[in-house]
Amino acid sequence: MRFQPATRRAVAKRLPQSVAAAVLEFCQNALAVNPHRVGKPLVGPLAGCHGARRGTYRVVYRVDEDTQLVHVLDVDHRADVDRPR
């Protein structure tokens, strides 16, 4: 499991504490065990990534099948992640 630097900052500073705790628990448990089961493939500009909802927030991640690593790319409010860029 790898977090991008911007994602680490978001979890530490921008997200409400309860959301940050829920996101970290989700990433360390369910996402680490089976990333394809807990999220769905995204389309459009985020094609190739997966997204999983945590309340009103979305965790955007990419699964590297070769190294079996999950890269957490973004955690943000669903309205901001789902908006076309």
PDB file of N, CA and C in Angstrom:
ATOM      1  N   MET A   1       0.858  -1.167   0.000  1.00  0.00           N
ATOM      2  CA  MET A   1       0.000   0.000   0.000  1.00  0.00           C
ATOM      3  C   MET A   1       0.901   1.226   0.000  1.00  0.00           C
ATOM      4  N   ARG A   2       0.688   2.093  -0.965  1.00  0.00           N
ATOM      5  CA  ARG A   2       1.459   3.336  -1.044  1.00  0.00           C
ATOM      6  C   ARG A   2       0.500   4.515  -1.173  1.00  0.00           C
ATOM      7  N   PHE A   3       0.793   5.557  -0.426  1.00  0.00           N
ATOM      8  CA  PHE A   3       0.021   6.796  -0.496  1.00  0.00           C
ATOM      9  C   PHE A   3       0.851   7.847  -1.214  1.00  0.00           C
ATOM     10  N   GLN A   4       0.243   8.545  -2.155  1.00  0.00           N
ATOM     11  CA  GLN A   4       0.912   9.672  -2.800  1.00  0.00           C
ATOM     12  C   GLN A   4       1.106  10.768  -1.756  1.00  0.00           C
ATOM     13  N   PRO A   5       2.152  11.602  -1.893  1.00  0.00           N
ATOM     14  CA  PRO A   5       2.379  12.678  -0.912  1.00  0.00           C
ATOM     15  C   PRO A   5       1.167  13.600  -0.731  1.00  0.00           C
ATOM     16  N   ALA A   6       0.505  13.955  -1.816  1.00  0.00           N
ATOM     17  CA  ALA A   6      -0.670  14.832  -1.707  1.00  0.00           C
ATOM     18  C   ALA A   6      -1.799  14.143  -0.944  1.00  0.00           C
ATOM     19  N   THR A   7      -1.902  12.838  -1.101  1.00  0.00           N
ATOM     20  CA  THR A   7      -2.926  12.085  -0.382  1.00  0.00           C
ATOM     21  C   THR A   7      -2.618  12.054   1.105  1.00  0.00           C
ATOM     22  N   ARG A   8      -1.364  11.893   1.448  1.00  0.00           N
ATOM     23  CA  ARG A   8      -0.970  11.920   2.864  1.00  0.00           C
ATOM     24  C   ARG A   8      -1.320  13.260   3.500  1.00  0.00           C
ATOM     25  N   ARG A   9      -1.036  14.345   2.770  1.00  0.00           N
ATOM     26  CA  ARG A   9      -1.361  15.680   3.292  1.00  0.00           C
ATOM     27  C   ARG A   9      -2.871  15.837   3.455  1.00  0.00           C
ATOM     28  N   ALA A  10      -3.633  15.356   2.481  1.00  0.00           N
ATOM     29  CA  ALA A  10      -5.094  15.475   2.553  1.00  0.00           C
ATOM     30  C   ALA A  10      -5.635  14.745   3.773  1.00  0.00           C
ATOM     31  N   VAL A  11      -5.149  13.536   3.992  1.00  0.00           N
ATOM     32  CA  VAL A  11      -5.627  12.752   5.134  1.00  0.00           C
ATOM     33  C   VAL A  11      -5.219  13.419   6.443  1.00  0.00           C
ATOM     34  N   ALA A  12      -4.010  13.956   6.488  1.00  0.00           N
ATOM     35  CA  ALA A  12      -3.501  14.536   7.732  1.00  0.00           C
ATOM     36  C   ALA A  12      -4.089  15.912   8.039  1.00  0.00           C
ATOM     37  N   LYS A  13      -4.352  16.713   7.011  1.00  0.00           N
ATOM     38  CA  LYS A  13      -4.703  18.118   7.270  1.00  0.00           C
ATOM     39  C   LYS A  13      -6.072  18.547   6.773  1.00  0.00           C
ATOM     40  N   ARG A  14      -6.496  18.073   5.611  1.00  0.00           N
ATOM     41  CA  ARG A  14      -7.693  18.616   4.981  1.00  0.00           C
ATOM     42  C   ARG A  14      -8.972  17.886   5.374  1.00  0.00           C
ATOM     43  N   LEU A  15      -8.900  16.590   5.568  1.00  0.00           N
ATOM     44  CA  LEU A  15     -10.108  15.821   5.881  1.00  0.00           C
ATOM     45  C   LEU A  15     -10.484  15.958   7.351  1.00  0.00           C
ATOM     46  N   PRO A  16     -11.781  15.910   7.649  1.00  0.00           N
ATOM     47  CA  PRO A  16     -12.187  15.869   9.059  1.00  0.00           C
ATOM     48  C   PRO A  16     -11.570  14.644   9.735  1.00  0.00           C
ATOM     49  N   GLN A  17     -11.296  14.756  11.012  1.00  0.00           N
ATOM     50  CA  GLN A  17     -10.594  13.694  11.731  1.00  0.00           C
ATOM     51  C   GLN A  17     -11.333  12.355  11.650  1.00  0.00           C
ATOM     52  N   SER A  18     -12.649  12.380  11.757  1.00  0.00           N
ATOM     53  CA  SER A  18     -13.407  11.120  11.703  1.00  0.00           C
ATOM     54  C   SER A  18     -13.307  10.470  10.321  1.00  0.00           C
ATOM     55  N   VAL A  19     -13.315  11.293   9.270  1.00  0.00           N
ATOM     56  CA  VAL A  19     -13.184  10.774   7.905  1.00  0.00           C
ATOM     57  C   VAL A  19     -11.781  10.223   7.692  1.00  0.00           C
ATOM     58  N   ALA A  20     -10.774  10.951   8.150  1.00  0.00           N
ATOM     59  CA  ALA A  20      -9.389  10.501   8.003  1.00  0.00           C
ATOM     60  C   ALA A  20      -9.185   9.155   8.688  1.00  0.00           C
ATOM     61  N   ALA A  21      -9.738   8.984   9.878  1.00  0.00           N
ATOM     62  CA  ALA A  21      -9.605   7.711  10.595  1.00  0.00           C
ATOM     63  C   ALA A  21     -10.302   6.585   9.834  1.00  0.00           C
ATOM     64  N   ALA A  22     -11.485   6.860   9.293  1.00  0.00           N
ATOM     65  CA  ALA A  22     -12.219   5.843   8.537  1.00  0.00           C
ATOM     66  C   ALA A  22     -11.480   5.467   7.258  1.00  0.00           C
ATOM     67  N   VAL A  23     -10.896   6.450   6.590  1.00  0.00           N
ATOM     68  CA  VAL A  23     -10.147   6.191   5.357  1.00  0.00           C
ATOM     69  C   VAL A  23      -8.912   5.347   5.649  1.00  0.00           C
ATOM     70  N   LEU A  24      -8.175   5.683   6.687  1.00  0.00           N
ATOM     71  CA  LEU A  24      -6.983   4.909   7.034  1.00  0.00           C
ATOM     72  C   LEU A  24      -7.349   3.474   7.410  1.00  0.00           C
ATOM     73  N   GLU A  25      -8.405   3.303   8.180  1.00  0.00           N
ATOM     74  CA  GLU A  25      -8.844   1.958   8.559  1.00  0.00           C
ATOM     75  C   GLU A  25      -9.253   1.165   7.323  1.00  0.00           C
ATOM     76  N   PHE A  26      -9.978   1.798   6.414  1.00  0.00           N
ATOM     77  CA  PHE A  26     -10.404   1.154   5.170  1.00  0.00           C
ATOM     78  C   PHE A  26      -9.201   0.732   4.332  1.00  0.00           C
ATOM     79  N   CYS A  27      -8.225   1.618   4.186  1.00  0.00           N
ATOM     80  CA  CYS A  27      -7.049   1.319   3.364  1.00  0.00           C
ATOM     81  C   CYS A  27      -6.209   0.197   3.961  1.00  0.00           C
ATOM     82  N   GLN A  28      -6.069   0.183   5.258  1.00  0.00           N
ATOM     83  CA  GLN A  28      -5.231  -0.824   5.905  1.00  0.00           C
ATOM     84  C   GLN A  28      -5.907  -2.188   5.979  1.00  0.00           C
ATOM     85  N   ASN A  29      -7.217  -2.228   5.890  1.00  0.00           N
ATOM     86  CA  ASN A  29      -7.929  -3.502   6.028  1.00  0.00           C
ATOM     87  C   ASN A  29      -8.554  -3.946   4.710  1.00  0.00           C
ATOM     88  N   ALA A  30      -9.728  -3.477   4.394  1.00  0.00           N
ATOM     89  CA  ALA A  30     -10.477  -3.968   3.236  1.00  0.00           C
ATOM     90  C   ALA A  30      -9.747  -3.734   1.916  1.00  0.00           C
ATOM     91  N   LEU A  31      -9.201  -2.547   1.727  1.00  0.00           N
ATOM     92  CA  LEU A  31      -8.527  -2.240   0.465  1.00  0.00           C
ATOM     93  C   LEU A  31      -7.262  -3.066   0.297  1.00  0.00           C
ATOM     94  N   ALA A  32      -6.518  -3.252   1.355  1.00  0.00           N
ATOM     95  CA  ALA A  32      -5.280  -4.032   1.279  1.00  0.00           C
ATOM     96  C   ALA A  32      -5.560  -5.505   0.999  1.00  0.00           C
ATOM     97  N   VAL A  33      -6.669  -6.020   1.494  1.00  0.00           N
ATOM     98  CA  VAL A  33      -6.987  -7.443   1.331  1.00  0.00           C
ATOM     99  C   VAL A  33      -7.466  -7.752  -0.082  1.00  0.00           C
ATOM    100  N   ASN A  34      -8.404  -6.968  -0.605  1.00  0.00           N
ATOM    101  CA  ASN A  34      -8.958  -7.247  -1.926  1.00  0.00           C
ATOM    102  C   ASN A  34      -9.388  -5.953  -2.604  1.00  0.00           C
ATOM    103  N   PRO A  35      -8.467  -5.250  -3.265  1.00  0.00           N
ATOM    104  CA  PRO A  35      -8.787  -3.942  -3.844  1.00  0.00           C
ATOM    105  C   PRO A  35      -9.812  -3.989  -4.973  1.00  0.00           C
ATOM    106  N   HIS A  36      -9.916  -5.102  -5.675  1.00  0.00           N
ATOM    107  CA  HIS A  36     -10.882  -5.180  -6.775  1.00  0.00           C
ATOM    108  C   HIS A  36     -12.311  -5.368  -6.263  1.00  0.00           C
ATOM    109  N   ARG A  37     -12.452  -5.924  -5.092  1.00  0.00           N
ATOM    110  CA  ARG A  37     -13.789  -6.184  -4.551  1.00  0.00           C
ATOM    111  C   ARG A  37     -14.418  -4.936  -3.939  1.00  0.00           C
ATOM    112  N   VAL A  38     -13.627  -4.088  -3.313  1.00  0.00           N
ATOM    113  CA  VAL A  38     -14.192  -2.958  -2.569  1.00  0.00           C
ATOM    114  C   VAL A  38     -14.418  -1.719  -3.419  1.00  0.00           C
ATOM    115  N   GLY A  39     -13.848  -1.679  -4.616  1.00  0.00           N
ATOM    116  CA  GLY A  39     -14.001  -0.504  -5.456  1.00  0.00           C
ATOM    117  C   GLY A  39     -14.511  -0.870  -6.831  1.00  0.00           C
ATOM    118  N   LYS A  40     -14.736   0.160  -7.627  1.00  0.00           N
ATOM    119  CA  LYS A  40     -15.194  -0.072  -8.994  1.00  0.00           C
ATOM    120  C   LYS A  40     -14.243   0.635  -9.950  1.00  0.00           C
ATOM    121  N   PRO A  41     -14.105   0.114 -11.161  1.00  0.00           N
ATOM    122  CA  PRO A  41     -13.266   0.790 -12.153  1.00  0.00           C
ATOM    123  C   PRO A  41     -13.883   2.142 -12.516  1.00  0.00           C
ATOM    124  N   LEU A  42     -13.039   3.140 -12.655  1.00  0.00           N
ATOM    125  CA  LEU A  42     -13.505   4.475 -13.016  1.00  0.00           C
ATOM    126  C   LEU A  42     -13.363   4.676 -14.518  1.00  0.00           C
ATOM    127  N   VAL A  43     -14.104   5.626 -15.049  1.00  0.00           N
ATOM    128  CA  VAL A  43     -14.091   5.916 -16.482  1.00  0.00           C
ATOM    129  C   VAL A  43     -13.710   7.374 -16.693  1.00  0.00           C
ATOM    130  N   GLY A  44     -13.576   7.746 -17.944  1.00  0.00           N
ATOM    131  CA  GLY A  44     -13.242   9.129 -18.273  1.00  0.00           C
ATOM    132  C   GLY A  44     -11.802   9.440 -17.948  1.00  0.00           C
ATOM    133  N   PRO A  45     -11.555  10.621 -17.390  1.00  0.00           N
ATOM    134  CA  PRO A  45     -10.171  11.019 -17.110  1.00  0.00           C
ATOM    135  C   PRO A  45      -9.491  10.130 -16.073  1.00  0.00           C
ATOM    136  N   LEU A  46     -10.264   9.402 -15.295  1.00  0.00           N
ATOM    137  CA  LEU A  46      -9.696   8.528 -14.263  1.00  0.00           C
ATOM    138  C   LEU A  46      -9.687   7.061 -14.695  1.00  0.00           C
ATOM    139  N   ALA A  47      -9.822   6.798 -15.991  1.00  0.00           N
ATOM    140  CA  ALA A  47      -9.790   5.423 -16.492  1.00  0.00           C
ATOM    141  C   ALA A  47      -8.467   4.776 -16.098  1.00  0.00           C
ATOM    142  N   GLY A  48      -8.533   3.525 -15.713  1.00  0.00           N
ATOM    143  CA  GLY A  48      -7.353   2.809 -15.245  1.00  0.00           C
ATOM    144  C   GLY A  48      -7.220   2.828 -13.736  1.00  0.00           C
ATOM    145  N   CYS A  49      -8.049   3.629 -13.095  1.00  0.00           N
ATOM    146  CA  CYS A  49      -8.053   3.711 -11.632  1.00  0.00           C
ATOM    147  C   CYS A  49      -9.345   3.090 -11.111  1.00  0.00           C
ATOM    148  N   HIS A  50      -9.375   2.865  -9.829  1.00  0.00           N
ATOM    149  CA  HIS A  50     -10.569   2.375  -9.148  1.00  0.00           C
ATOM    150  C   HIS A  50     -10.982   3.413  -8.111  1.00  0.00           C
ATOM    151  N   GLY A  51     -12.247   3.381  -7.745  1.00  0.00           N
ATOM    152  CA  GLY A  51     -12.742   4.273  -6.710  1.00  0.00           C
ATOM    153  C   GLY A  51     -13.598   3.512  -5.718  1.00  0.00           C
ATOM    154  N   ALA A  52     -13.483   3.883  -4.459  1.00  0.00           N
ATOM    155  CA  ALA A  52     -14.294   3.270  -3.409  1.00  0.00           C
ATOM    156  C   ALA A  52     -14.873   4.378  -2.543  1.00  0.00           C
ATOM    157  N   ARG A  53     -16.151   4.276  -2.246  1.00  0.00           N
ATOM    158  CA  ARG A  53     -16.818   5.283  -1.423  1.00  0.00           C
ATOM    159  C   ARG A  53     -16.602   5.001   0.047  1.00  0.00           C
ATOM    160  N   ARG A  54     -16.371   6.061   0.767  1.00  0.00           N
ATOM    161  CA  ARG A  54     -16.353   6.043   2.234  1.00  0.00           C
ATOM    162  C   ARG A  54     -17.242   7.193   2.656  1.00  0.00           C
ATOM    163  N   GLY A  55     -18.524   6.933   2.793  1.00  0.00           N
ATOM    164  CA  GLY A  55     -19.474   7.995   3.106  1.00  0.00           C
ATOM    165  C   GLY A  55     -19.592   8.939   1.923  1.00  0.00           C
ATOM    166  N   THR A  56     -19.379  10.218   2.161  1.00  0.00           N
ATOM    167  CA  THR A  56     -19.455  11.200   1.075  1.00  0.00           C
ATOM    168  C   THR A  56     -18.091  11.440   0.438  1.00  0.00           C
ATOM    169  N   TYR A  57     -17.118  10.636   0.790  1.00  0.00           N
ATOM    170  CA  TYR A  57     -15.768  10.772   0.236  1.00  0.00           C
ATOM    171  C   TYR A  57     -15.456   9.588  -0.667  1.00  0.00           C
ATOM    172  N   ARG A  58     -14.533   9.790  -1.592  1.00  0.00           N
ATOM    173  CA  ARG A  58     -14.109   8.735  -2.497  1.00  0.00           C
ATOM    174  C   ARG A  58     -12.601   8.559  -2.393  1.00  0.00           C
ATOM    175  N   VAL A  59     -12.179   7.305  -2.293  1.00  0.00           N
ATOM    176  CA  VAL A  59     -10.768   6.938  -2.312  1.00  0.00           C
ATOM    177  C   VAL A  59     -10.465   6.485  -3.737  1.00  0.00           C
ATOM    178  N   VAL A  60      -9.550   7.186  -4.409  1.00  0.00           N
ATOM    179  CA  VAL A  60      -9.153   6.834  -5.768  1.00  0.00           C
ATOM    180  C   VAL A  60      -7.810   6.127  -5.680  1.00  0.00           C
ATOM    181  N   TYR A  61      -7.729   4.954  -6.299  1.00  0.00           N
ATOM    182  CA  TYR A  61      -6.501   4.171  -6.210  1.00  0.00           C
ATOM    183  C   TYR A  61      -6.246   3.420  -7.513  1.00  0.00           C
ATOM    184  N   ARG A  62      -5.010   2.996  -7.675  1.00  0.00           N
ATOM    185  CA  ARG A  62      -4.591   2.216  -8.831  1.00  0.00           C
ATOM    186  C   ARG A  62      -3.951   0.934  -8.315  1.00  0.00           C
ATOM    187  N   VAL A  63      -4.262  -0.173  -8.948  1.00  0.00           N
ATOM    188  CA  VAL A  63      -3.699  -1.465  -8.552  1.00  0.00           C
ATOM    189  C   VAL A  63      -2.628  -1.845  -9.563  1.00  0.00           C
ATOM    190  N   ASP A  64      -1.407  -2.046  -9.087  1.00  0.00           N
ATOM    191  CA  ASP A  64      -0.309  -2.507  -9.931  1.00  0.00           C
ATOM    192  C   ASP A  64      -0.266  -4.025  -9.818  1.00  0.00           C
ATOM    193  N   GLU A  65      -0.760  -4.694 -10.844  1.00  0.00           N
ATOM    194  CA  GLU A  65      -0.865  -6.154 -10.808  1.00  0.00           C
ATOM    195  C   GLU A  65       0.507  -6.826 -10.773  1.00  0.00           C
ATOM    196  N   ASP A  66       1.509  -6.208 -11.398  1.00  0.00           N
ATOM    197  CA  ASP A  66       2.843  -6.815 -11.443  1.00  0.00           C
ATOM    198  C   ASP A  66       3.473  -6.889 -10.059  1.00  0.00           C
ATOM    199  N   THR A  67       3.387  -5.801  -9.310  1.00  0.00           N
ATOM    200  CA  THR A  67       4.024  -5.752  -7.990  1.00  0.00           C
ATOM    201  C   THR A  67       3.044  -6.022  -6.852  1.00  0.00           C
ATOM    202  N   GLN A  68       1.750  -6.178  -7.187  1.00  0.00           N
ATOM    203  CA  GLN A  68       0.710  -6.398  -6.180  1.00  0.00           C
ATOM    204  C   GLN A  68       0.634  -5.246  -5.177  1.00  0.00           C
ATOM    205  N   LEU A  69       0.887  -4.026  -5.672  1.00  0.00           N
ATOM    206  CA  LEU A  69       0.824  -2.834  -4.828  1.00  0.00           C
ATOM    207  C   LEU A  69      -0.424  -2.033  -5.145  1.00  0.00           C
ATOM    208  N   VAL A  70      -1.007  -1.445  -4.126  1.00  0.00           N
ATOM    209  CA  VAL A  70      -2.136  -0.530  -4.288  1.00  0.00           C
ATOM    210  C   VAL A  70      -1.606   0.875  -4.044  1.00  0.00           C
ATOM    211  N   HIS A  71      -1.764   1.754  -5.034  1.00  0.00           N
ATOM    212  CA  HIS A  71      -1.324   3.145  -4.931  1.00  0.00           C
ATOM    213  C   HIS A  71      -2.558   4.009  -4.684  1.00  0.00           C
ATOM    214  N   VAL A  72      -2.659   4.605  -3.507  1.00  0.00           N
ATOM    215  CA  VAL A  72      -3.777   5.496  -3.190  1.00  0.00           C
ATOM    216  C   VAL A  72      -3.427   6.871  -3.751  1.00  0.00           C
ATOM    217  N   LEU A  73      -4.202   7.308  -4.741  1.00  0.00           N
ATOM    218  CA  LEU A  73      -3.894   8.528  -5.482  1.00  0.00           C
ATOM    219  C   LEU A  73      -4.579   9.767  -4.927  1.00  0.00           C
ATOM    220  N   ASP A  74      -5.801   9.601  -4.407  1.00  0.00           N
ATOM    221  CA  ASP A  74      -6.553  10.775  -3.963  1.00  0.00           C
ATOM    222  C   ASP A  74      -7.648  10.342  -2.991  1.00  0.00           C
ATOM    223  N   VAL A  75      -7.942  11.212  -2.068  1.00  0.00           N
ATOM    224  CA  VAL A  75      -9.095  11.062  -1.180  1.00  0.00           C
ATOM    225  C   VAL A  75      -9.738  12.435  -1.130  1.00  0.00           C
ATOM    226  N   ASP A  76     -10.971  12.513  -1.602  1.00  0.00           N
ATOM    227  CA  ASP A  76     -11.632  13.816  -1.650  1.00  0.00           C
ATOM    228  C   ASP A  76     -13.139  13.602  -1.613  1.00  0.00           C
ATOM    229  N   HIS A  77     -13.846  14.701  -1.440  1.00  0.00           N
ATOM    230  CA  HIS A  77     -15.299  14.651  -1.445  1.00  0.00           C
ATOM    231  C   HIS A  77     -15.758  14.151  -2.810  1.00  0.00           C
ATOM    232  N   ARG A  78     -16.787  13.325  -2.823  1.00  0.00           N
ATOM    233  CA  ARG A  78     -17.249  12.732  -4.081  1.00  0.00           C
ATOM    234  C   ARG A  78     -17.622  13.781  -5.115  1.00  0.00           C
ATOM    235  N   ALA A  79     -18.184  14.888  -4.689  1.00  0.00           N
ATOM    236  CA  ALA A  79     -18.567  15.934  -5.637  1.00  0.00           C
ATOM    237  C   ALA A  79     -17.352  16.474  -6.378  1.00  0.00           C
ATOM    238  N   ASP A  80     -16.201  16.510  -5.717  1.00  0.00           N
ATOM    239  CA  ASP A  80     -14.987  17.029  -6.349  1.00  0.00           C
ATOM    240  C   ASP A  80     -14.288  15.980  -7.203  1.00  0.00           C
ATOM    241  N   VAL A  81     -14.311  14.730  -6.784  1.00  0.00           N
ATOM    242  CA  VAL A  81     -13.656  13.664  -7.551  1.00  0.00           C
ATOM    243  C   VAL A  81     -14.476  13.313  -8.780  1.00  0.00           C
ATOM    244  N   ASP A  82     -15.793  13.244  -8.646  1.00  0.00           N
ATOM    245  CA  ASP A  82     -16.661  12.802  -9.733  1.00  0.00           C
ATOM    246  C   ASP A  82     -16.884  13.869 -10.796  1.00  0.00           C
ATOM    247  N   ARG A  83     -16.546  15.102 -10.488  1.00  0.00           N
ATOM    248  CA  ARG A  83     -16.751  16.195 -11.431  1.00  0.00           C
ATOM    249  C   ARG A  83     -15.805  16.029 -12.624  1.00  0.00           C
ATOM    250  N   PRO A  84     -16.313  16.138 -13.859  1.00  0.00           N
ATOM    251  CA  PRO A  84     -15.423  16.056 -15.029  1.00  0.00           C
ATOM    252  C   PRO A  84     -14.372  17.153 -14.978  1.00  0.00           C
ATOM    253  N   ARG A  85     -13.161  16.781 -15.329  1.00  0.00           N
ATOM    254  CA  ARG A  85     -12.056  17.754 -15.275  1.00  0.00           C
ATOM    255  C   ARG A  85     -11.739  18.284 -16.636  1.00  0.00           C
TER     256      ARG A  85
END
